[in-house]
C-alpha atoms as a PDB file:
ATOM      1  CA  MET A   1       0.000   0.000   0.000  1.00  0.00           C
ATOM      2  CA  LYS A   2       2.717   2.484   0.946  1.00  0.00           C
ATOM      3  CA  LEU A   3       4.740   1.692  -2.210  1.00  0.00           C
ATOM      4  CA  ARG A   4       1.668   2.433  -4.348  1.00  0.00           C
ATOM      5  CA  SER A   5       1.274   5.795  -2.605  1.00  0.00           C
ATOM      6  CA  ILE A   6       4.914   6.674  -3.213  1.00  0.00           C
ATOM      7  CA  ILE A   7       4.724   5.733  -6.908  1.00  0.00           C
ATOM      8  CA  CYS A   8       1.494   7.738  -7.405  1.00  0.00           C
ATOM      9  CA  ALA A   9       2.951  10.799  -5.675  1.00  0.00           C
ATOM     10  CA  MET A  10       6.161  10.634  -7.714  1.00  0.00           C
ATOM     11  CA  ALA A  11       4.164  10.332 -10.959  1.00  0.00           C
ATOM     12  CA  LEU A  12       2.015  13.316  -9.967  1.00  0.00           C
ATOM     13  CA  VAL A  13       5.055  15.457  -9.197  1.00  0.00           C
ATOM     14  CA  ALA A  14       6.818  14.360 -12.410  1.00  0.00           C
ATOM     15  CA  CYS A  15       3.764  15.297 -14.523  1.00  0.00           C
ATOM     16  CA  PHE A  16       3.324  18.653 -12.804  1.00  0.00           C
ATOM     17  CA  THR A  17       6.986  19.619 -13.022  1.00  0.00           C
ATOM     18  CA  ALA A  18       7.090  18.720 -16.701  1.00  0.00           C
ATOM     19  CA  THR A  19       4.240  21.151 -17.399  1.00  0.00           C
ATOM     20  CA  ALA A  20       5.180  23.827 -14.861  1.00  0.00           C
ATOM     21  CA  SER A  21       8.755  24.510 -16.033  1.00  0.00           C
ATOM     22  CA  ALA A  22      10.175  23.872 -12.576  1.00  0.00           C
ATOM     23  CA  ASP A  23      13.766  24.873 -12.090  1.00  0.00           C
ATOM     24  CA  ALA A  24      14.468  22.711  -9.016  1.00  0.00           C
ATOM     25  CA  ILE A  25      13.101  19.450  -7.623  1.00  0.00           C
ATOM     26  CA  GLY A  26      14.153  17.515  -4.562  1.00  0.00           C
ATOM     27  CA  ILE A  27      13.294  16.566  -1.033  1.00  0.00           C
ATOM     28  CA  ARG A  28      12.742  18.751   2.028  1.00  0.00           C
ATOM     29  CA  PHE A  29      13.180  17.126   5.435  1.00  0.00           C
ATOM     30  CA  SER A  30      11.041  18.928   7.977  1.00  0.00           C
ATOM     31  CA  GLY A  31       9.674  18.938  11.478  1.00  0.00           C
ATOM     32  CA  GLY A  32       6.491  20.139  13.099  1.00  0.00           C
ATOM     33  CA  GLU A  33       3.378  19.023  14.903  1.00  0.00           C
ATOM     34  CA  LEU A  34       1.668  17.688  11.768  1.00  0.00           C
ATOM     35  CA  SER A  35       4.810  17.107   9.736  1.00  0.00           C
ATOM     36  CA  THR A  36       5.460  13.923   7.842  1.00  0.00           C
ATOM     37  CA  GLY A  37       9.213  14.294   8.111  1.00  0.00           C
ATOM     38  CA  ALA A  38       9.867  14.683   4.379  1.00  0.00           C
ATOM     39  CA  GLU A  39       8.192  16.187   1.351  1.00  0.00           C
ATOM     40  CA  LEU A  40       8.660  16.122  -2.388  1.00  0.00           C
ATOM     41  CA  ASN A  41       9.528  19.707  -3.103  1.00  0.00           C
ATOM     42  CA  TYR A  42       9.963  21.789  -6.210  1.00  0.00           C
ATOM     43  CA  GLN A  43      10.546  25.398  -7.050  1.00  0.00           C
ATOM     44  CA  ARG A  44       9.526  27.377 -10.101  1.00  0.00           C
ATOM     45  CA  ASN A  45      10.915  30.706 -11.243  1.00  0.00           C
ATOM     46  CA  GLY A  46       8.334  33.459 -11.273  1.00  0.00           C
ATOM     47  CA  GLY A  47       5.926  33.865  -8.436  1.00  0.00           C
ATOM     48  CA  LEU A  48       2.911  35.827  -7.307  1.00  0.00           C
ATOM     49  CA  PHE A  49       2.773  39.523  -6.463  1.00  0.00           C
ATOM     50  CA  GLY A  50       6.137  40.241  -8.108  1.00  0.00           C
ATOM     51  CA  SER A  51       7.992  37.558  -6.141  1.00  0.00           C
ATOM     52  CA  ASN A  52      10.904  35.635  -7.603  1.00  0.00           C
ATOM     53  CA  ARG A  53       9.836  32.020  -7.042  1.00  0.00           C
ATOM     54  CA  LEU A  54       7.040  29.628  -6.089  1.00  0.00           C
ATOM     55  CA  GLU A  55       7.736  26.609  -3.896  1.00  0.00           C
ATOM     56  CA  PHE A  56       5.406  23.619  -3.722  1.00  0.00           C
ATOM     57  CA  GLY A  57       5.591  20.657  -1.361  1.00  0.00           C
ATOM     58  CA  LEU A  58       3.711  17.356  -1.182  1.00  0.00           C
ATOM     59  CA  SER A  59       4.156  15.061   1.785  1.00  0.00           C
ATOM     60  CA  TRP A  60       2.623  11.869   3.102  1.00  0.00           C
ATOM     61  CA  ASP A  61       3.371   9.412   5.848  1.00  0.00           C
ATOM     62  CA  GLY A  62       1.778   6.629   7.799  1.00  0.00           C
ATOM     63  CA  SER A  63       2.274   4.155  10.576  1.00  0.00           C
ATOM     64  CA  ASP A  64       0.190   1.718  12.594  1.00  0.00           C
ATOM     65  CA  HIS A  65      -1.223   4.666  14.541  1.00  0.00           C
ATOM     66  CA  HIS A  66      -1.613   7.562  12.085  1.00  0.00           C
ATOM     67  CA  SER A  67      -1.545   8.702   8.479  1.00  0.00           C
ATOM     68  CA  VAL A  68      -1.153  12.150   6.933  1.00  0.00           C
ATOM     69  CA  ILE A  69      -1.110  13.734   3.498  1.00  0.00           C
ATOM     70  CA  ALA A  70      -0.348  17.430   3.130  1.00  0.00           C
ATOM     71  CA  GLY A  71       0.561  20.105   0.651  1.00  0.00           C
ATOM     72  CA  ALA A  72       2.086  23.570   0.858  1.00  0.00           C
ATOM     73  CA  CYS A  73       2.585  26.508  -1.496  1.00  0.00           C
ATOM     74  CA  VAL A  74       4.837  29.479  -0.728  1.00  0.00           C
ATOM     75  CA  THR A  75       5.708  32.482  -2.850  1.00  0.00           C
ATOM     76  CA  GLN A  76       9.240  33.728  -2.158  1.00  0.00           C
ATOM     77  CA  TRP A  77      11.342  36.798  -2.650  1.00  0.00           C
ATOM     78  CA  HIS A  78      15.030  35.931  -2.619  1.00  0.00           C
ATOM     79  CA  TRP A  79      18.173  38.019  -2.449  1.00  0.00           C
ATOM     80  CA  ASN A  80      21.802  37.220  -3.088  1.00  0.00           C
ATOM     81  CA  ILE A  81      24.195  37.638  -0.160  1.00  0.00           C
ATOM     82  CA  ALA A  82      27.433  36.595  -1.899  1.00  0.00           C
ATOM     83  CA  GLY A  83      28.254  34.138  -4.686  1.00  0.00           C
ATOM     84  CA  GLY A  84      25.718  31.304  -4.506  1.00  0.00           C
ATOM     85  CA  PHE A  85      24.644  32.194  -0.963  1.00  0.00           C
ATOM     86  CA  ASN A  86      21.068  33.592  -0.816  1.00  0.00           C
ATOM     87  CA  TRP A  87      18.271  34.260   1.652  1.00  0.00           C
ATOM     88  CA  TYR A  88      14.521  34.219   1.012  1.00  0.00           C
ATOM     89  CA  VAL A  89      11.188  35.010   2.664  1.00  0.00           C
ATOM     90  CA  GLY A  90       7.528  34.892   1.697  1.00  0.00           C
ATOM     91  CA  PRO A  91       3.918  34.067   2.583  1.00  0.00           C
ATOM     92  CA  GLY A  92       2.283  30.697   2.062  1.00  0.00           C
ATOM     93  CA  ILE A  93      -0.559  28.295   2.700  1.00  0.00           C
ATOM     94  CA  ALA A  94      -0.689  24.654   3.738  1.00  0.00           C
ATOM     95  CA  ALA A  95      -3.460  22.061   3.875  1.00  0.00           C
ATOM     96  CA  GLY A  96      -3.711  18.438   4.833  1.00  0.00           C
ATOM     97  CA  VAL A  97      -5.600  15.544   6.334  1.00  0.00           C
ATOM     98  CA  TYR A  98      -4.301  13.865   9.489  1.00  0.00           C
ATOM     99  CA  SER A  99      -5.876  10.608  10.708  1.00  0.00           C
ATOM    100  CA  ILE A 100      -5.255   8.971  14.054  1.00  0.00           C
ATOM    101  CA  LYS A 101      -6.317   5.332  14.023  1.00  0.00           C
ATOM    102  CA  PRO A 102      -8.344   3.793  16.868  1.00  0.00           C
ATOM    103  CA  VAL A 103      -6.217   2.290  19.647  1.00  0.00           C
ATOM    104  CA  LYS A 104      -7.189  -0.984  21.313  1.00  0.00           C
ATOM    105  CA  VAL A 105      -5.526  -2.504  24.360  1.00  0.00           C
ATOM    106  CA  ALA A 106      -6.412  -6.061  25.355  1.00  0.00           C
ATOM    107  CA  GLY A 107      -9.486  -5.919  23.127  1.00  0.00           C
ATOM    108  CA  HIS A 108     -10.806  -2.660  24.621  1.00  0.00           C
ATOM    109  CA  THR A 109     -10.931   0.623  22.709  1.00  0.00           C
ATOM    110  CA  VAL A 110      -8.718   3.182  24.447  1.00  0.00           C
ATOM    111  CA  SER A 111      -9.041   5.868  21.758  1.00  0.00           C
ATOM    112  CA  ASP A 112     -11.669   6.119  19.023  1.00  0.00           C
ATOM    113  CA  GLY A 113      -9.290   7.847  16.647  1.00  0.00           C
ATOM    114  CA  LYS A 114     -10.120  10.865  14.510  1.00  0.00           C
ATOM    115  CA  THR A 115      -9.579  12.457  11.138  1.00  0.00           C
ATOM    116  CA  GLU A 116      -8.601  16.081  11.071  1.00  0.00           C
ATOM    117  CA  LEU A 117      -8.561  18.504   8.162  1.00  0.00           C
ATOM    118  CA  TYR A 118      -6.361  21.552   8.539  1.00  0.00           C
ATOM    119  CA  VAL A 119      -5.658  24.649   6.468  1.00  0.00           C
ATOM    120  CA  GLY A 120      -2.951  27.028   7.579  1.00  0.00           C
ATOM    121  CA  ILE A 121      -1.480  30.361   6.592  1.00  0.00           C
ATOM    122  CA  GLY A 122       1.968  31.608   7.410  1.00  0.00           C
ATOM    123  CA  GLY A 123       5.269  31.962   5.675  1.00  0.00           C
ATOM    124  CA  GLN A 124       8.768  30.750   5.134  1.00  0.00           C
ATOM    125  CA  ILE A 125      12.194  32.231   5.768  1.00  0.00           C
ATOM    126  CA  GLY A 126      15.510  30.615   5.043  1.00  0.00           C
ATOM    127  CA  ILE A 127      18.997  30.594   3.611  1.00  0.00           C
ATOM    128  CA  GLU A 128      20.339  28.572   0.704  1.00  0.00           C
ATOM    129  CA  PHE A 129      23.475  27.834  -1.207  1.00  0.00           C
ATOM    130  CA  ASP A 130      23.067  27.421  -4.941  1.00  0.00           C
ATOM    131  CA  PHE A 131      25.893  25.173  -6.126  1.00  0.00           C
ATOM    132  CA  ASN A 132      25.230  26.321  -9.710  1.00  0.00           C
ATOM    133  CA  ALA A 133      27.636  29.147  -8.823  1.00  0.00           C
ATOM    134  CA  LEU A 134      30.288  26.402  -8.626  1.00  0.00           C
ATOM    135  CA  GLY A 135      29.049  24.513 -11.686  1.00  0.00           C
ATOM    136  CA  ALA A 136      27.024  21.799  -9.902  1.00  0.00           C
ATOM    137  CA  PRO A 137      23.242  21.544 -10.447  1.00  0.00           C
ATOM    138  CA  LEU A 138      22.350  21.439  -6.729  1.00  0.00           C
ATOM    139  CA  ASN A 139      20.626  23.682  -4.215  1.00  0.00           C
ATOM    140  CA  LEU A 140      20.887  23.189  -0.436  1.00  0.00           C
ATOM    141  CA  SER A 141      18.694  25.181   1.955  1.00  0.00           C
ATOM    142  CA  VAL A 142      17.790  25.511   5.639  1.00  0.00           C
ATOM    143  CA  ASP A 143      14.518  27.217   6.499  1.00  0.00           C
ATOM    144  CA  THR A 144      11.458  27.345   8.714  1.00  0.00           C
ATOM    145  CA  ARG A 145       7.841  27.406   7.557  1.00  0.00           C
ATOM    146  CA  PRO A 146       5.618  28.359  10.522  1.00  0.00           C
ATOM    147  CA  MET A 147       1.880  28.131   9.891  1.00  0.00           C
ATOM    148  CA  VAL A 148      -1.155  29.064  11.936  1.00  0.00           C
ATOM    149  CA  ASP A 149      -4.038  26.682  11.329  1.00  0.00           C
ATOM    150  CA  VAL A 150      -7.083  28.793  10.532  1.00  0.00           C
ATOM    151  CA  VAL A 151      -9.250  25.765   9.766  1.00  0.00           C
ATOM    152  CA  ARG A 152      -8.920  22.725  11.977  1.00  0.00           C
ATOM    153  CA  LEU A 153     -11.615  20.324  13.117  1.00  0.00           C
ATOM    154  CA  ASP A 154     -10.528  20.459  16.749  1.00  0.00           C
ATOM    155  CA  GLY A 155     -10.060  24.237  16.815  1.00  0.00           C
ATOM    156  CA  PHE A 156      -7.465  26.892  16.117  1.00  0.00           C
ATOM    157  CA  GLY A 157      -3.852  25.752  16.337  1.00  0.00           C
ATOM    158  CA  LEU A 158      -0.220  26.415  15.576  1.00  0.00           C
ATOM    159  CA  ASN A 159       1.628  24.135  13.167  1.00  0.00           C
ATOM    160  CA  SER A 160       5.395  23.896  12.646  1.00  0.00           C
ATOM    161  CA  LEU A 161       6.455  26.859  14.774  1.00  0.00           C
ATOM    162  CA  LEU A 162      10.192  27.414  14.322  1.00  0.00           C
ATOM    163  CA  TYR A 163      11.039  23.865  13.270  1.00  0.00           C
ATOM    164  CA  LEU A 164      14.045  23.905  10.942  1.00  0.00           C
ATOM    165  CA  SER A 165      13.996  22.049   7.649  1.00  0.00           C
ATOM    166  CA  LEU A 166      16.787  20.937   5.342  1.00  0.00           C
ATOM    167  CA  ALA A 167      16.213  20.655   1.589  1.00  0.00           C
ATOM    168  CA  LEU A 168      18.357  19.222  -1.187  1.00  0.00           C
ATOM    169  CA  ARG A 169      17.219  19.920  -4.747  1.00  0.00           C
ATOM    170  CA  PHE A 170      18.460  19.122  -8.244  1.00  0.00           C
ATOM    171  CA  THR A 171      18.321  22.231 -10.428  1.00  0.00           C
ATOM    172  CA  PHE A 172      17.692  22.328 -14.160  1.00  0.00           C
END
């Protein structure tokens, strides 16, 4: 089941990047309350509101106790510091579905489980090194993407506050 999900997600990202003229694709390892730990991530030159770039992420995860699928979109302004070293900032949105499976102990239900939809707004700020400045088609970044959940079945909440993420992308 999990292999099928991975193959479907990779096919979806491959189709979208082929039509969206993405200039970087890779993986972003992240943390946060509702984080899956890693996301397929790509960046496209040209953004919204005069920004320089759009970043999209798709993540999924599962275990015996939970499953989650989520997506994020951030528009970024980025500035060069020196050589291939840059910093960036911008607003974004995130949405996902998080399911906690029922828990049984010795045949008795301890937790009924729940499914939670969330939609968040926030932003992203980070630093990156673009190895294209050295002739290698790679981009390495460290950032944070804090979001405030404005829609959440169990109420208002904070998602991913100040968790750092590491991304490695192939540029083309």
